Amino acid sequence: MSRSQENIGIEVNELKGRSLPTWEVVIPKKKTIGLIEKVEGKYRVTTNKTNSVMFAKTLDAGINDLLAYFTLHEK
């Protein structure tokens, strides 16, 4: 029971005016799927729907983790 592969177009936008460097990951014309904040050298990834928190070593890894979570749990 595997899902067929599908490309998901995303945008990663840096949010200004925050105390921590922060990015939002957005599926254009649909919704924001989560936020990524740089905290003490790590990237804290928070999902929008369930507020689940994950940590990643790089911004790219955080984006990939967020997309994987979205694909498995929210889609």
PDB file of N, CA and C in Angstrom:
ATOM      1  N   MET A   1       0.825  -1.180   0.000  1.00  0.00           N
ATOM      2  CA  MET A   1       0.000   0.000   0.000  1.00  0.00           C
ATOM      3  C   MET A   1       0.868   1.241   0.000  1.00  0.00           C
ATOM      4  N   SER A   2       1.588   1.450  -1.047  1.00  0.00           N
ATOM      5  CA  SER A   2       2.419   2.645  -1.141  1.00  0.00           C
ATOM      6  C   SER A   2       1.684   3.716  -1.932  1.00  0.00           C
ATOM      7  N   ARG A   3       2.005   4.933  -1.605  1.00  0.00           N
ATOM      8  CA  ARG A   3       1.431   6.059  -2.342  1.00  0.00           C
ATOM      9  C   ARG A   3       2.253   6.318  -3.585  1.00  0.00           C
ATOM     10  N   SER A   4       1.601   6.813  -4.609  1.00  0.00           N
ATOM     11  CA  SER A   4       2.350   7.197  -5.792  1.00  0.00           C
ATOM     12  C   SER A   4       3.113   8.483  -5.488  1.00  0.00           C
ATOM     13  N   GLN A   5       4.258   8.634  -6.119  1.00  0.00           N
ATOM     14  CA  GLN A   5       5.068   9.816  -5.865  1.00  0.00           C
ATOM     15  C   GLN A   5       4.439  11.043  -6.482  1.00  0.00           C
ATOM     16  N   GLU A   6       4.602  12.156  -5.782  1.00  0.00           N
ATOM     17  CA  GLU A   6       4.039  13.415  -6.249  1.00  0.00           C
ATOM     18  C   GLU A   6       4.993  14.540  -5.852  1.00  0.00           C
ATOM     19  N   ASN A   7       5.257  15.446  -6.761  1.00  0.00           N
ATOM     20  CA  ASN A   7       6.090  16.602  -6.443  1.00  0.00           C
ATOM     21  C   ASN A   7       5.241  17.649  -5.746  1.00  0.00           C
ATOM     22  N   ILE A   8       5.799  18.215  -4.677  1.00  0.00           N
ATOM     23  CA  ILE A   8       5.119  19.276  -3.948  1.00  0.00           C
ATOM     24  C   ILE A   8       5.953  20.544  -4.108  1.00  0.00           C
ATOM     25  N   GLY A   9       5.363  21.558  -4.718  1.00  0.00           N
ATOM     26  CA  GLY A   9       6.054  22.842  -4.842  1.00  0.00           C
ATOM     27  C   GLY A   9       5.952  23.589  -3.528  1.00  0.00           C
ATOM     28  N   ILE A  10       7.057  24.140  -3.072  1.00  0.00           N
ATOM     29  CA  ILE A  10       7.050  24.875  -1.807  1.00  0.00           C
ATOM     30  C   ILE A  10       7.763  26.207  -1.954  1.00  0.00           C
ATOM     31  N   GLU A  11       7.527  27.082  -0.986  1.00  0.00           N
ATOM     32  CA  GLU A  11       8.270  28.323  -0.845  1.00  0.00           C
ATOM     33  C   GLU A  11       8.813  28.350   0.575  1.00  0.00           C
ATOM     34  N   VAL A  12      10.031  28.842   0.738  1.00  0.00           N
ATOM     35  CA  VAL A  12      10.613  29.030   2.055  1.00  0.00           C
ATOM     36  C   VAL A  12      10.859  30.530   2.205  1.00  0.00           C
ATOM     37  N   ASN A  13      10.138  31.149   3.123  1.00  0.00           N
ATOM     38  CA  ASN A  13      10.207  32.602   3.307  1.00  0.00           C
ATOM     39  C   ASN A  13      10.822  32.928   4.660  1.00  0.00           C
ATOM     40  N   GLU A  14      11.824  33.812   4.650  1.00  0.00           N
ATOM     41  CA  GLU A  14      12.415  34.255   5.911  1.00  0.00           C
ATOM     42  C   GLU A  14      11.506  35.313   6.530  1.00  0.00           C
ATOM     43  N   LEU A  15      11.221  35.153   7.818  1.00  0.00           N
ATOM     44  CA  LEU A  15      10.378  36.107   8.530  1.00  0.00           C
ATOM     45  C   LEU A  15      11.263  37.110   9.256  1.00  0.00           C
ATOM     46  N   LYS A  16      11.057  38.376   8.989  1.00  0.00           N
ATOM     47  CA  LYS A  16      11.855  39.450   9.599  1.00  0.00           C
ATOM     48  C   LYS A  16      11.191  39.916  10.890  1.00  0.00           C
ATOM     49  N   GLY A  17      11.974  40.564  11.738  1.00  0.00           N
ATOM     50  CA  GLY A  17      11.430  41.153  12.947  1.00  0.00           C
ATOM     51  C   GLY A  17      11.215  40.175  14.085  1.00  0.00           C
ATOM     52  N   ARG A  18      11.846  39.035  14.041  1.00  0.00           N
ATOM     53  CA  ARG A  18      11.735  38.041  15.113  1.00  0.00           C
ATOM     54  C   ARG A  18      13.046  37.986  15.869  1.00  0.00           C
ATOM     55  N   SER A  19      12.980  37.518  17.116  1.00  0.00           N
ATOM     56  CA  SER A  19      14.195  37.458  17.933  1.00  0.00           C
ATOM     57  C   SER A  19      15.143  36.356  17.457  1.00  0.00           C
ATOM     58  N   LEU A  20      14.603  35.311  16.843  1.00  0.00           N
ATOM     59  CA  LEU A  20      15.407  34.209  16.294  1.00  0.00           C
ATOM     60  C   LEU A  20      15.264  34.201  14.778  1.00  0.00           C
ATOM     61  N   PRO A  21      16.316  33.784  14.043  1.00  0.00           N
ATOM     62  CA  PRO A  21      16.148  33.603  12.596  1.00  0.00           C
ATOM     63  C   PRO A  21      15.039  32.568  12.350  1.00  0.00           C
ATOM     64  N   THR A  22      14.036  32.952  11.563  1.00  0.00           N
ATOM     65  CA  THR A  22      12.848  32.108  11.385  1.00  0.00           C
ATOM     66  C   THR A  22      12.460  32.062   9.918  1.00  0.00           C
ATOM     67  N   TRP A  23      12.048  30.874   9.471  1.00  0.00           N
ATOM     68  CA  TRP A  23      11.559  30.664   8.114  1.00  0.00           C
ATOM     69  C   TRP A  23      10.218  29.958   8.179  1.00  0.00           C
ATOM     70  N   GLU A  24       9.326  30.303   7.243  1.00  0.00           N
ATOM     71  CA  GLU A  24       8.077  29.567   7.121  1.00  0.00           C
ATOM     72  C   GLU A  24       8.120  28.775   5.821  1.00  0.00           C
ATOM     73  N   VAL A  25       7.580  27.567   5.872  1.00  0.00           N
ATOM     74  CA  VAL A  25       7.520  26.716   4.685  1.00  0.00           C
ATOM     75  C   VAL A  25       6.060  26.694   4.233  1.00  0.00           C
ATOM     76  N   VAL A  26       5.851  27.099   2.976  1.00  0.00           N
ATOM     77  CA  VAL A  26       4.506  27.317   2.456  1.00  0.00           C
ATOM     78  C   VAL A  26       4.294  26.520   1.183  1.00  0.00           C
ATOM     79  N   ILE A  27       3.116  25.933   1.056  1.00  0.00           N
ATOM     80  CA  ILE A  27       2.678  25.384  -0.226  1.00  0.00           C
ATOM     81  C   ILE A  27       1.896  26.512  -0.888  1.00  0.00           C
ATOM     82  N   PRO A  28       2.417  27.074  -1.985  1.00  0.00           N
ATOM     83  CA  PRO A  28       1.783  28.253  -2.595  1.00  0.00           C
ATOM     84  C   PRO A  28       0.300  28.044  -2.885  1.00  0.00           C
ATOM     85  N   LYS A  29      -0.468  29.072  -2.587  1.00  0.00           N
ATOM     86  CA  LYS A  29      -1.921  29.114  -2.827  1.00  0.00           C
ATOM     87  C   LYS A  29      -2.683  28.112  -1.981  1.00  0.00           C
ATOM     88  N   LYS A  30      -2.021  27.487  -0.988  1.00  0.00           N
ATOM     89  CA  LYS A  30      -2.735  26.545  -0.123  1.00  0.00           C
ATOM     90  C   LYS A  30      -2.580  26.928   1.332  1.00  0.00           C
ATOM     91  N   LYS A  31      -1.401  26.660   1.922  1.00  0.00           N
ATOM     92  CA  LYS A  31      -1.251  26.941   3.346  1.00  0.00           C
ATOM     93  C   LYS A  31       0.205  26.868   3.785  1.00  0.00           C
ATOM     94  N   THR A  32       0.447  27.401   4.965  1.00  0.00           N
ATOM     95  CA  THR A  32       1.744  27.270   5.611  1.00  0.00           C
ATOM     96  C   THR A  32       1.759  25.919   6.313  1.00  0.00           C
ATOM     97  N   ILE A  33       2.831  25.139   6.104  1.00  0.00           N
ATOM     98  CA  ILE A  33       2.875  23.820   6.733  1.00  0.00           C
ATOM     99  C   ILE A  33       3.744  23.789   7.976  1.00  0.00           C
ATOM    100  N   GLY A  34       4.560  24.831   8.188  1.00  0.00           N
ATOM    101  CA  GLY A  34       5.353  24.853   9.410  1.00  0.00           C
ATOM    102  C   GLY A  34       6.353  25.977   9.462  1.00  0.00           C
ATOM    103  N   LEU A  35       6.982  26.105  10.639  1.00  0.00           N
ATOM    104  CA  LEU A  35       8.017  27.107  10.872  1.00  0.00           C
ATOM    105  C   LEU A  35       9.321  26.432  11.253  1.00  0.00           C
ATOM    106  N   ILE A  36      10.409  27.066  10.876  1.00  0.00           N
ATOM    107  CA  ILE A  36      11.742  26.591  11.256  1.00  0.00           C
ATOM    108  C   ILE A  36      12.469  27.755  11.912  1.00  0.00           C
ATOM    109  N   GLU A  37      12.978  27.533  13.125  1.00  0.00           N
ATOM    110  CA  GLU A  37      13.717  28.559  13.857  1.00  0.00           C
ATOM    111  C   GLU A  37      15.113  28.048  14.179  1.00  0.00           C
ATOM    112  N   LYS A  38      16.099  28.922  14.065  1.00  0.00           N
ATOM    113  CA  LYS A  38      17.464  28.545  14.423  1.00  0.00           C
ATOM    114  C   LYS A  38      17.674  28.859  15.897  1.00  0.00           C
ATOM    115  N   VAL A  39      17.884  27.806  16.689  1.00  0.00           N
ATOM    116  CA  VAL A  39      18.029  27.928  18.136  1.00  0.00           C
ATOM    117  C   VAL A  39      19.320  27.240  18.557  1.00  0.00           C
ATOM    118  N   GLU A  40      20.271  28.008  19.082  1.00  0.00           N
ATOM    119  CA  GLU A  40      21.527  27.472  19.599  1.00  0.00           C
ATOM    120  C   GLU A  40      22.234  26.536  18.607  1.00  0.00           C
ATOM    121  N   GLY A  41      22.287  26.936  17.356  1.00  0.00           N
ATOM    122  CA  GLY A  41      23.006  26.173  16.342  1.00  0.00           C
ATOM    123  C   GLY A  41      22.212  25.030  15.724  1.00  0.00           C
ATOM    124  N   LYS A  42      21.007  24.759  16.233  1.00  0.00           N
ATOM    125  CA  LYS A  42      20.141  23.718  15.668  1.00  0.00           C
ATOM    126  C   LYS A  42      18.916  24.389  15.062  1.00  0.00           C
ATOM    127  N   TYR A  43      18.216  23.655  14.255  1.00  0.00           N
ATOM    128  CA  TYR A  43      17.003  24.159  13.628  1.00  0.00           C
ATOM    129  C   TYR A  43      15.801  23.445  14.239  1.00  0.00           C
ATOM    130  N   ARG A  44      14.928  24.223  14.887  1.00  0.00           N
ATOM    131  CA  ARG A  44      13.712  23.668  15.489  1.00  0.00           C
ATOM    132  C   ARG A  44      12.593  23.781  14.469  1.00  0.00           C
ATOM    133  N   VAL A  45      12.016  22.639  14.122  1.00  0.00           N
ATOM    134  CA  VAL A  45      10.971  22.555  13.106  1.00  0.00           C
ATOM    135  C   VAL A  45       9.644  22.315  13.817  1.00  0.00           C
ATOM    136  N   THR A  46       8.662  23.186  13.585  1.00  0.00           N
ATOM    137  CA  THR A  46       7.351  23.056  14.222  1.00  0.00           C
ATOM    138  C   THR A  46       6.283  22.971  13.145  1.00  0.00           C
ATOM    139  N   THR A  47       5.461  21.931  13.208  1.00  0.00           N
ATOM    140  CA  THR A  47       4.379  21.782  12.231  1.00  0.00           C
ATOM    141  C   THR A  47       3.223  22.691  12.618  1.00  0.00           C
ATOM    142  N   ASN A  48       2.504  23.203  11.639  1.00  0.00           N
ATOM    143  CA  ASN A  48       1.382  24.102  11.927  1.00  0.00           C
ATOM    144  C   ASN A  48       0.162  23.370  12.453  1.00  0.00           C
ATOM    145  N   LYS A  49      -0.155  22.238  11.884  1.00  0.00           N
ATOM    146  CA  LYS A  49      -1.408  21.569  12.217  1.00  0.00           C
ATOM    147  C   LYS A  49      -1.403  20.991  13.628  1.00  0.00           C
ATOM    148  N   THR A  50      -0.328  20.303  14.020  1.00  0.00           N
ATOM    149  CA  THR A  50      -0.313  19.618  15.311  1.00  0.00           C
ATOM    150  C   THR A  50       0.695  20.199  16.294  1.00  0.00           C
ATOM    151  N   ASN A  51       1.453  21.205  15.869  1.00  0.00           N
ATOM    152  CA  ASN A  51       2.506  21.802  16.690  1.00  0.00           C
ATOM    153  C   ASN A  51       3.543  20.782  17.154  1.00  0.00           C
ATOM    154  N   SER A  52       3.754  19.738  16.375  1.00  0.00           N
ATOM    155  CA  SER A  52       4.811  18.767  16.668  1.00  0.00           C
ATOM    156  C   SER A  52       6.158  19.451  16.449  1.00  0.00           C
ATOM    157  N   VAL A  53       7.145  19.107  17.286  1.00  0.00           N
ATOM    158  CA  VAL A  53       8.462  19.730  17.201  1.00  0.00           C
ATOM    159  C   VAL A  53       9.507  18.679  16.872  1.00  0.00           C
ATOM    160  N   MET A  54      10.374  19.005  15.914  1.00  0.00           N
ATOM    161  CA  MET A  54      11.501  18.156  15.533  1.00  0.00           C
ATOM    162  C   MET A  54      12.735  19.050  15.496  1.00  0.00           C
ATOM    163  N   PHE A  55      13.919  18.463  15.551  1.00  0.00           N
ATOM    164  CA  PHE A  55      15.159  19.219  15.444  1.00  0.00           C
ATOM    165  C   PHE A  55      15.991  18.676  14.294  1.00  0.00           C
ATOM    166  N   ALA A  56      16.699  19.579  13.602  1.00  0.00           N
ATOM    167  CA  ALA A  56      17.545  19.201  12.474  1.00  0.00           C
ATOM    168  C   ALA A  56      18.881  19.929  12.597  1.00  0.00           C
ATOM    169  N   LYS A  57      19.896  19.398  11.923  1.00  0.00           N
ATOM    170  CA  LYS A  57      21.226  20.011  11.961  1.00  0.00           C
ATOM    171  C   LYS A  57      21.381  21.140  10.957  1.00  0.00           C
ATOM    172  N   THR A  58      20.627  21.077   9.849  1.00  0.00           N
ATOM    173  CA  THR A  58      20.722  22.108   8.820  1.00  0.00           C
ATOM    174  C   THR A  58      19.322  22.567   8.419  1.00  0.00           C
ATOM    175  N   LEU A  59      19.263  23.726   7.777  1.00  0.00           N
ATOM    176  CA  LEU A  59      17.982  24.238   7.296  1.00  0.00           C
ATOM    177  C   LEU A  59      17.387  23.297   6.250  1.00  0.00           C
ATOM    178  N   ASP A  60      18.216  22.792   5.342  1.00  0.00           N
ATOM    179  CA  ASP A  60      17.731  21.857   4.315  1.00  0.00           C
ATOM    180  C   ASP A  60      17.140  20.598   4.946  1.00  0.00           C
ATOM    181  N   ALA A  61      17.816  20.067   5.960  1.00  0.00           N
ATOM    182  CA  ALA A  61      17.308  18.876   6.640  1.00  0.00           C
ATOM    183  C   ALA A  61      15.983  19.181   7.329  1.00  0.00           C
ATOM    184  N   GLY A  62      15.862  20.366   7.903  1.00  0.00           N
ATOM    185  CA  GLY A  62      14.615  20.764   8.545  1.00  0.00           C
ATOM    186  C   GLY A  62      13.471  20.858   7.559  1.00  0.00           C
ATOM    187  N   ILE A  63      13.742  21.421   6.388  1.00  0.00           N
ATOM    188  CA  ILE A  63      12.721  21.511   5.336  1.00  0.00           C
ATOM    189  C   ILE A  63      12.297  20.110   4.904  1.00  0.00           C
ATOM    190  N   ASN A  64      13.265  19.222   4.686  1.00  0.00           N
ATOM    191  CA  ASN A  64      12.953  17.846   4.288  1.00  0.00           C
ATOM    192  C   ASN A  64      12.149  17.123   5.355  1.00  0.00           C
ATOM    193  N   ASP A  65      12.509  17.307   6.633  1.00  0.00           N
ATOM    194  CA  ASP A  65      11.757  16.682   7.722  1.00  0.00           C
ATOM    195  C   ASP A  65      10.319  17.181   7.750  1.00  0.00           C
ATOM    196  N   LEU A  66      10.131  18.475   7.563  1.00  0.00           N
ATOM    197  CA  LEU A  66       8.794  19.057   7.564  1.00  0.00           C
ATOM    198  C   LEU A  66       7.957  18.539   6.405  1.00  0.00           C
ATOM    199  N   LEU A  67       8.569  18.429   5.227  1.00  0.00           N
ATOM    200  CA  LEU A  67       7.837  17.888   4.069  1.00  0.00           C
ATOM    201  C   LEU A  67       7.482  16.415   4.264  1.00  0.00           C
ATOM    202  N   ALA A  68       8.402  15.655   4.830  1.00  0.00           N
ATOM    203  CA  ALA A  68       8.128  14.238   5.092  1.00  0.00           C
ATOM    204  C   ALA A  68       6.982  14.100   6.088  1.00  0.00           C
ATOM    205  N   TYR A  69       7.001  14.890   7.150  1.00  0.00           N
ATOM    206  CA  TYR A  69       5.931  14.853   8.144  1.00  0.00           C
ATOM    207  C   TYR A  69       4.600  15.224   7.503  1.00  0.00           C
ATOM    208  N   PHE A  70       4.596  16.283   6.708  1.00  0.00           N
ATOM    209  CA  PHE A  70       3.381  16.724   6.032  1.00  0.00           C
ATOM    210  C   PHE A  70       2.827  15.629   5.122  1.00  0.00           C
ATOM    211  N   THR A  71       3.708  15.002   4.346  1.00  0.00           N
ATOM    212  CA  THR A  71       3.281  13.961   3.416  1.00  0.00           C
ATOM    213  C   THR A  71       2.687  12.762   4.151  1.00  0.00           C
ATOM    214  N   LEU A  72       3.296  12.385   5.257  1.00  0.00           N
ATOM    215  CA  LEU A  72       2.839  11.196   5.988  1.00  0.00           C
ATOM    216  C   LEU A  72       1.625  11.439   6.868  1.00  0.00           C
ATOM    217  N   HIS A  73       1.518  12.627   7.471  1.00  0.00           N
ATOM    218  CA  HIS A  73       0.509  12.819   8.513  1.00  0.00           C
ATOM    219  C   HIS A  73      -0.589  13.820   8.197  1.00  0.00           C
ATOM    220  N   GLU A  74      -0.343  14.738   7.309  1.00  0.00           N
ATOM    221  CA  GLU A  74      -1.328  15.802   7.125  1.00  0.00           C
ATOM    222  C   GLU A  74      -2.007  15.809   5.767  1.00  0.00           C
ATOM    223  N   LYS A  75      -1.443  15.156   4.816  1.00  0.00           N
ATOM    224  CA  LYS A  75      -1.969  15.225   3.460  1.00  0.00           C
ATOM    225  C   LYS A  75      -3.228  14.404   3.310  1.00  0.00           C
TER     226      LYS A  75
END
